[in-house]
Amino acid sequence: MPYLANVALAAWLILTGLIDLAHLRFLHDDLIMGVLAVVAGALQLMRR
C-alpha cells in the first residue's frame, strides 16, 4: 500500500507529459487528470 501513492503520482506525471507533448486527448481527460491528482496528493499526505 505505501507504493500506491508513488504509482498514482507517476501515472499522473506520465499522462500529463503525454497530453502536452503528443496532444493526446481522450474522453473526460480533464476530469480524470483532476481526480488522479487529488488521489495522488491525498495518498502522499496520508503517508506522512
Foldseek 3Di string as FASTA:
>chain_A
DLCVLVVLVVVLVVVVVCCVPVVDDDPPPVVVSVVSVVVSVVSVVVVD
